[in-house]
Protein backbone atom coordinates (compact mmCIF):
# COMPACT_ATOMS: atom_id res chain seq x y z
CA MET A 1 -90.79 176.45 -14.09
CA PRO A 2 -92.16 177.97 -16.94
CA LEU A 3 -92.40 176.57 -20.57
CA ASN A 4 -89.99 178.81 -22.90
CA ILE A 5 -92.80 178.70 -25.50
CA GLY A 6 -90.56 178.69 -28.56
CA LEU A 7 -89.51 176.51 -30.98
CA ALA A 8 -88.08 173.53 -28.27
CA VAL A 9 -91.84 173.61 -26.50
CA LYS A 10 -93.75 170.40 -28.51
CA ALA A 11 -97.49 169.90 -29.13
CA SER A 12 -99.33 168.25 -29.81
CA ILE A 13 -103.35 167.33 -30.40
CA VAL A 14 -104.44 164.11 -28.42
CA ILE A 15 -107.95 162.60 -30.40
CA SER A 16 -109.54 159.60 -29.50
CA THR A 17 -112.08 158.11 -30.83
CA LYS A 18 -115.03 154.96 -31.91
CA ASN A 19 -116.65 154.78 -35.14
CA ARG A 20 -117.07 158.53 -36.47
CA LYS A 21 -114.68 158.38 -38.89
CA GLU A 22 -116.50 160.67 -41.02
CA GLU A 23 -116.13 163.62 -38.37
CA LEU A 24 -113.10 162.31 -37.40
CA ARG A 25 -111.94 163.64 -40.78
CA SER A 26 -112.78 167.46 -39.41
CA ALA A 27 -111.35 166.82 -37.10
CA LEU A 28 -107.46 165.85 -38.72
CA ARG A 29 -108.07 168.19 -41.27
CA SER A 30 -108.51 171.10 -38.85
CA SER A 31 -105.72 169.09 -36.46
CA LEU A 32 -103.36 169.11 -39.32
CA SER A 33 -103.86 173.62 -40.61
CA GLN A 34 -102.56 174.85 -37.08
CA SER A 35 -99.86 177.26 -38.02
CA ILE A 36 -97.14 175.40 -36.01
CA GLU A 37 -95.62 172.08 -35.94
CA CYS A 38 -97.36 169.66 -34.02
CA GLU A 39 -97.92 165.96 -33.21
CA VAL A 40 -100.99 164.31 -34.39
CA LEU A 41 -102.42 161.58 -32.28
CA VAL A 42 -105.08 159.49 -32.63
CA ILE A 43 -106.00 157.00 -30.47
CA ASP A 44 -108.49 153.94 -31.72
CA ASP A 45 -111.09 152.63 -28.71
CA GLY A 46 -111.02 149.76 -30.70
CA SER A 47 -113.44 150.92 -33.37
CA THR A 48 -115.22 148.59 -36.62
CA ASP A 49 -115.73 151.59 -39.33
CA GLY A 50 -112.32 151.63 -40.87
CA THR A 51 -111.30 154.24 -38.61
CA SER A 52 -107.58 153.41 -38.50
CA GLU A 53 -107.59 151.97 -41.98
CA MET A 54 -108.67 155.62 -43.03
CA VAL A 55 -106.99 157.63 -41.27
CA ARG A 56 -103.68 155.52 -42.45
CA ALA A 57 -104.55 156.01 -45.14
CA GLU A 58 -105.91 159.55 -46.15
CA PHE A 59 -103.12 161.00 -42.70
CA PRO A 60 -100.37 159.94 -43.46
CA THR A 61 -98.53 162.23 -41.64
CA VAL A 62 -100.98 161.51 -39.04
CA ARG A 63 -99.42 158.30 -35.82
CA VAL A 64 -102.55 156.06 -35.24
CA GLU A 65 -102.71 153.58 -32.09
CA ARG A 66 -105.43 150.87 -32.48
CA ALA A 67 -107.15 149.13 -30.22
CA GLU A 68 -108.34 145.91 -29.90
CA ASN A 69 -110.80 145.69 -27.57
CA SER A 70 -112.25 149.03 -26.48
CA SER A 71 -111.64 150.43 -23.23
CA GLY A 72 -113.51 153.54 -23.43
CA LEU A 73 -112.96 157.62 -23.21
CA ILE A 74 -111.03 158.41 -19.99
CA VAL A 75 -108.79 155.27 -20.51
CA GLN A 76 -107.34 155.81 -24.15
CA ARG A 77 -106.88 158.97 -22.83
CA ASN A 78 -104.42 158.27 -20.23
CA ARG A 79 -102.60 155.77 -23.16
CA GLY A 80 -102.50 159.34 -25.65
CA ALA A 81 -100.99 161.21 -22.23
CA ARG A 82 -98.29 158.12 -22.13
CA LEU A 83 -97.32 158.02 -25.88
CA ALA A 84 -97.43 161.75 -26.57
CA GLY A 85 -94.66 163.42 -26.98
CA GLY A 86 -95.26 166.72 -26.71
CA ASP A 87 -94.29 168.65 -23.80
CA ILE A 88 -97.78 170.63 -23.95
CA ILE A 89 -101.46 167.87 -25.60
CA PHE A 90 -104.44 169.21 -26.42
CA SER A 91 -107.49 167.87 -26.09
CA ILE A 92 -110.54 168.04 -28.74
CA ASP A 93 -113.33 165.10 -29.63
CA ASP A 94 -113.77 163.50 -32.27
CA ASP A 95 -116.61 165.59 -33.12
CA ALA A 96 -114.93 169.11 -32.92
CA VAL A 97 -112.23 171.43 -34.95
CA PHE A 98 -110.44 174.20 -35.22
CA VAL A 99 -111.61 177.17 -36.30
CA SER A 100 -108.65 178.85 -36.51
CA PRO A 101 -105.16 177.74 -37.72
CA HIS A 102 -104.26 179.96 -35.15
CA THR A 103 -105.01 178.31 -31.29
CA VAL A 104 -102.75 176.01 -30.67
CA ALA A 105 -99.93 178.48 -31.04
CA GLN A 106 -102.11 181.20 -29.20
CA THR A 107 -102.73 178.52 -26.49
CA LEU A 108 -99.35 177.92 -25.96
CA GLN A 109 -99.21 181.15 -25.16
CA GLU A 110 -100.49 181.14 -22.42
CA PHE A 111 -98.53 178.81 -20.47
CA ASP A 112 -96.37 181.93 -19.31
CA GLU A 113 -97.12 181.09 -15.78
CA GLU A 114 -95.33 178.46 -13.97
CA ARG A 115 -99.08 177.80 -11.94
CA VAL A 116 -100.90 176.90 -14.70
CA GLY A 117 -100.99 173.20 -15.48
CA ALA A 118 -103.99 173.37 -17.77
CA VAL A 119 -105.99 176.06 -20.11
CA ALA A 120 -109.64 175.72 -21.39
CA ILE A 121 -109.82 176.91 -24.67
CA PRO A 122 -112.66 178.78 -25.87
CA TYR A 123 -115.09 176.93 -27.85
CA ARG A 124 -118.94 177.11 -28.80
CA GLU A 125 -121.27 174.06 -29.87
CA PRO A 126 -123.20 175.91 -32.29
CA LYS A 127 -125.70 173.03 -33.09
CA LYS A 128 -127.14 174.00 -29.29
CA SER A 129 -125.64 178.52 -29.10
CA PRO A 130 -123.56 180.92 -30.49
CA ARG A 131 -122.48 181.41 -27.47
CA LEU A 132 -118.96 181.56 -25.98
CA LEU A 133 -117.17 179.43 -23.57
CA GLN A 134 -114.21 178.58 -21.13
CA GLN A 135 -113.18 182.43 -22.43
CA ALA A 136 -111.28 184.55 -20.73
CA PRO A 137 -112.47 188.37 -19.40
CA SER A 138 -110.83 190.93 -22.05
CA GLY A 139 -106.92 192.09 -20.15
CA GLU A 140 -104.12 191.10 -19.69
CA ASP A 141 -104.02 188.70 -16.55
CA VAL A 142 -104.57 186.03 -16.09
CA PHE A 143 -108.40 184.38 -14.61
CA ILE A 144 -108.25 180.89 -13.38
CA THR A 145 -111.23 178.95 -13.43
CA ASP A 146 -111.85 175.49 -11.62
CA ASP A 147 -112.57 173.15 -14.95
CA PHE A 148 -112.03 172.54 -17.59
CA ILE A 149 -113.90 170.66 -20.90
CA GLY A 150 -112.68 167.36 -22.43
CA THR A 151 -112.84 168.73 -25.73
CA ALA A 152 -111.57 172.05 -25.99
CA HIS A 153 -108.34 171.76 -23.07
CA ALA A 154 -105.02 171.64 -22.76
CA LEU A 155 -102.61 170.08 -20.05
CA ARG A 156 -98.54 170.34 -18.99
CA ARG A 157 -98.21 166.29 -19.55
CA GLU A 158 -95.45 166.44 -16.91
CA VAL A 159 -97.83 167.49 -13.84
CA PHE A 160 -100.77 165.17 -16.06
CA LEU A 161 -98.77 161.81 -15.64
CA ASN A 162 -96.81 163.03 -12.29
CA LEU A 163 -100.42 163.28 -10.93
CA GLY A 164 -101.61 159.86 -12.67
CA GLY A 165 -103.24 161.23 -15.21
CA TYR A 166 -107.54 160.52 -15.17
CA ARG A 167 -109.32 158.36 -12.36
CA GLU A 168 -110.04 154.93 -14.49
CA SER A 169 -112.47 153.62 -12.41
CA LEU A 170 -115.01 156.50 -13.44
CA VAL A 171 -115.63 154.33 -16.06
CA HIS A 172 -116.85 157.66 -18.59
CA GLN A 173 -117.66 161.80 -17.36
CA GLY A 174 -116.57 163.69 -13.94
CA GLU A 175 -112.59 162.98 -15.59
CA GLU A 176 -112.14 166.51 -15.82
CA MET A 177 -113.09 168.04 -12.60
CA ASP A 178 -111.83 165.10 -10.34
CA PHE A 179 -107.79 165.93 -11.68
CA CYS A 180 -108.55 169.20 -11.59
CA ILE A 181 -108.45 169.35 -7.82
CA ARG A 182 -105.51 167.04 -7.28
CA MET A 183 -104.05 169.59 -9.57
CA LEU A 184 -105.26 172.01 -7.79
CA ALA A 185 -104.07 170.26 -4.36
CA VAL A 186 -100.21 170.83 -5.65
CA GLY A 187 -100.12 174.25 -6.79
CA ARG A 188 -101.25 174.39 -9.94
CA VAL A 189 -104.59 175.65 -11.65
CA VAL A 190 -107.01 176.34 -14.74
CA ARG A 191 -106.68 179.15 -17.05
CA LEU A 192 -108.88 180.67 -18.93
CA GLY A 193 -107.95 181.31 -22.37
CA ARG A 194 -108.39 183.78 -25.30
CA ALA A 195 -107.32 181.41 -28.34
CA ASP A 196 -109.68 181.37 -31.30
CA ALA A 197 -112.44 178.83 -30.59
CA ILE A 198 -112.83 175.22 -31.62
CA HIS A 199 -116.20 174.18 -32.29
CA HIS A 200 -117.36 170.90 -31.00
CA LEU A 201 -120.05 169.60 -33.64
CA GLU A 202 -122.17 167.74 -30.93
CA SER A 203 -122.36 164.06 -32.44
CA PRO A 204 -125.86 163.15 -32.69
CA ARG A 205 -124.62 159.14 -32.05
CA ARG A 206 -124.35 159.63 -27.94
CA ASP A 207 -125.80 158.07 -25.19
CA PHE A 208 -127.34 159.70 -22.79
CA ARG A 209 -128.35 157.07 -21.00
CA ARG A 210 -124.90 156.49 -20.42
CA MET A 211 -124.18 160.22 -19.49
CA ASP A 212 -126.79 160.73 -17.35
CA ILE A 213 -126.22 157.25 -15.28
CA TYR A 214 -122.42 157.58 -14.93
CA GLY A 215 -122.25 161.23 -14.49
CA ARG A 216 -124.55 161.48 -11.25
CA ARG A 217 -122.86 158.46 -9.94
CA ASN A 218 -119.94 159.97 -10.54
CA ASP A 219 -120.62 163.57 -9.21
CA LEU A 220 -120.70 161.45 -5.42
CA LEU A 221 -117.71 159.69 -5.76
CA PHE A 222 -115.72 162.99 -6.64
CA ALA A 223 -117.34 164.82 -3.34
CA TRP A 224 -116.56 161.35 -1.67
CA HIS A 225 -113.48 160.71 -2.84
CA TYR A 226 -112.07 164.70 -2.16
CA VAL A 227 -114.43 166.49 0.39
CA PRO A 228 -113.03 166.95 3.73
CA LEU A 229 -115.68 167.04 7.31
CA PRO A 230 -117.31 168.61 7.71
CA TYR A 231 -118.01 169.45 4.70
CA LEU A 232 -119.10 165.51 3.26
CA PRO A 233 -122.00 165.43 4.48
CA VAL A 234 -123.63 168.32 2.67
CA HIS A 235 -122.40 168.36 -0.26
CA LEU A 236 -123.02 164.84 -0.93
CA LEU A 237 -126.64 165.73 0.02
CA ALA A 238 -126.69 168.73 -2.75
CA THR A 239 -125.00 166.60 -4.88
CA SER A 240 -127.65 164.45 -5.00
CA VAL A 241 -130.35 166.83 -4.90
CA ASN A 242 -128.92 168.79 -8.02
CA GLY A 243 -128.35 165.88 -9.53
CA LEU A 244 -132.30 164.66 -9.23
CA ARG A 245 -133.53 168.56 -10.53
CA ALA A 246 -131.16 168.03 -13.39
CA GLY A 247 -133.13 164.62 -14.52
CA LEU A 248 -136.46 166.49 -13.96
CA LYS A 249 -135.52 169.35 -16.03
CA VAL A 250 -134.09 167.68 -19.34
CA GLY A 251 -137.22 164.27 -18.68
CA ARG A 252 -134.54 161.92 -17.63
CA SER A 253 -135.16 161.27 -14.07
CA TRP A 254 -134.76 157.76 -14.34
CA ASN A 255 -131.97 157.92 -15.35
CA MET A 256 -130.32 160.30 -13.00
CA LEU A 257 -131.92 158.39 -9.81
CA ARG A 258 -130.23 154.89 -11.29
CA GLY A 259 -126.63 156.82 -11.76
CA ILE A 260 -127.59 158.47 -8.13
CA MET A 261 -128.04 155.22 -6.71
CA LYS A 262 -124.68 153.53 -8.83
CA GLY A 263 -123.00 156.29 -6.70
CA TRP A 264 -124.08 155.85 -3.98
CA VAL A 265 -123.24 151.99 -3.51
CA ALA A 266 -119.27 153.20 -4.85
CA CYS A 267 -118.94 155.26 -2.12
CA VAL A 268 -119.62 152.63 0.15
CA SER A 269 -118.17 150.46 -1.52
CA GLN A 270 -114.77 152.83 -1.59
CA ARG A 271 -115.86 154.19 1.72
CA ARG A 272 -111.60 152.41 2.11
CA HIS A 273 -110.17 155.26 -0.05
CA ARG A 274 -110.90 158.30 0.69
CA GLN A 275 -108.02 161.20 0.23
CA PRO A 276 -109.72 163.97 0.88
CA VAL A 277 -107.82 167.27 0.08
CA PRO A 278 -107.07 170.11 2.19
CA ALA A 279 -109.91 171.91 3.56
CA SER A 280 -107.83 175.02 1.85
CA VAL A 281 -108.26 173.11 -1.56
CA TYR A 282 -111.51 172.78 -0.84
CA ARG A 283 -112.78 176.39 -0.36
CA THR A 284 -110.85 177.62 -3.18
CA PHE A 285 -112.75 175.03 -5.02
CA ARG A 286 -115.76 175.90 -4.82
CA GLN A 287 -115.29 179.77 -4.62
CA LEU A 288 -113.57 178.71 -8.28
CA LYS A 289 -117.15 177.12 -9.26
CA LEU A 290 -119.74 179.24 -7.24
CA ARG A 291 -117.56 182.83 -8.39
CA GLY A 292 -116.63 181.83 -12.38
CA PRO A 293 -113.47 183.43 -12.96
CA VAL A 294 -110.56 184.82 -10.81
CA ARG A 295 -107.60 186.53 -11.09
CA LEU A 296 -104.69 185.07 -10.47
CA ALA A 297 -102.97 187.54 -8.09
CA GLU A 298 -106.12 187.21 -6.15
CA ILE A 299 -106.22 183.94 -5.02
CA GLU A 300 -102.52 182.43 -5.12
CA PRO A 301 -101.98 183.89 -1.74
CA SER A 302 -104.52 180.89 -0.55
CA LEU A 303 -102.78 178.11 -2.94
CA PRO A 304 -100.73 175.12 -1.58
CA PRO A 305 -97.12 175.59 -2.30
CA LEU A 306 -95.58 175.19 -5.93
CA THR A 307 -95.40 171.42 -6.28
CA THR A 308 -92.88 170.38 -9.60
CA TRP A 309 -91.33 167.24 -10.54
CA HIS A 310 -88.04 167.11 -11.78
CA THR A 311 -87.26 164.50 -14.87
């Protein structure tokens, strides 16, 4: 059912973090400044820099759950969704901030369509470019897209949990796209938002080697898990070639090649775990990825019947 957007709807802002307490401070200040009351939940992935202690001392209204051992971002995002009390979960990274107090309230209004399972919230990366990303075209129409970025999105907790959350075997990178095609297969879409933007202030402490390897590996696993025949061979080949091109472009070819090799090995080892989506869902997903934003009314006739759950 469409959400009754009002006081009864609870929003949870969930931030997974590890050893970035300085960046986290800014994320928490911006989360607590929202114009409507929100639960703010920090999932500490085994930090050793005193992150949990800082949160408890400086932000007593924030709930913090610390894991003794690090399990990675995907596992902790799933944990955060299970622990959250809100109907809608807002996810930002620990190096991101809400620059407006109205972003959460504005985004909640965008769940007024029943098919909307997630909203891609507009965001900028000021350290790279002033460009505004994930913003819907102007007008009143509902525009949908294929995917969202992890640092700037909101989703229906019920849908997320009933679909099993993010695939934890991915370890790092690509979990959003993996989830979005599963969501599309049950008739739910990602809506492009119009809220005030989030700023992603990309931390310098990023492991690009790990991101490259798992990113390319997981691109291939995505194809293996979900792409139906006869599209699979072409999709696997194109994914491999595009991964190599990306490596050449950014000067990290060896990392990308290692990731592609690991991806092919993983496909073989997980050959019994293929669960391809219907061909119509795959074509719709590819259309969204290649064409860009599409009005919901244009594409709704091709969507699967809406799956609902009753709690």
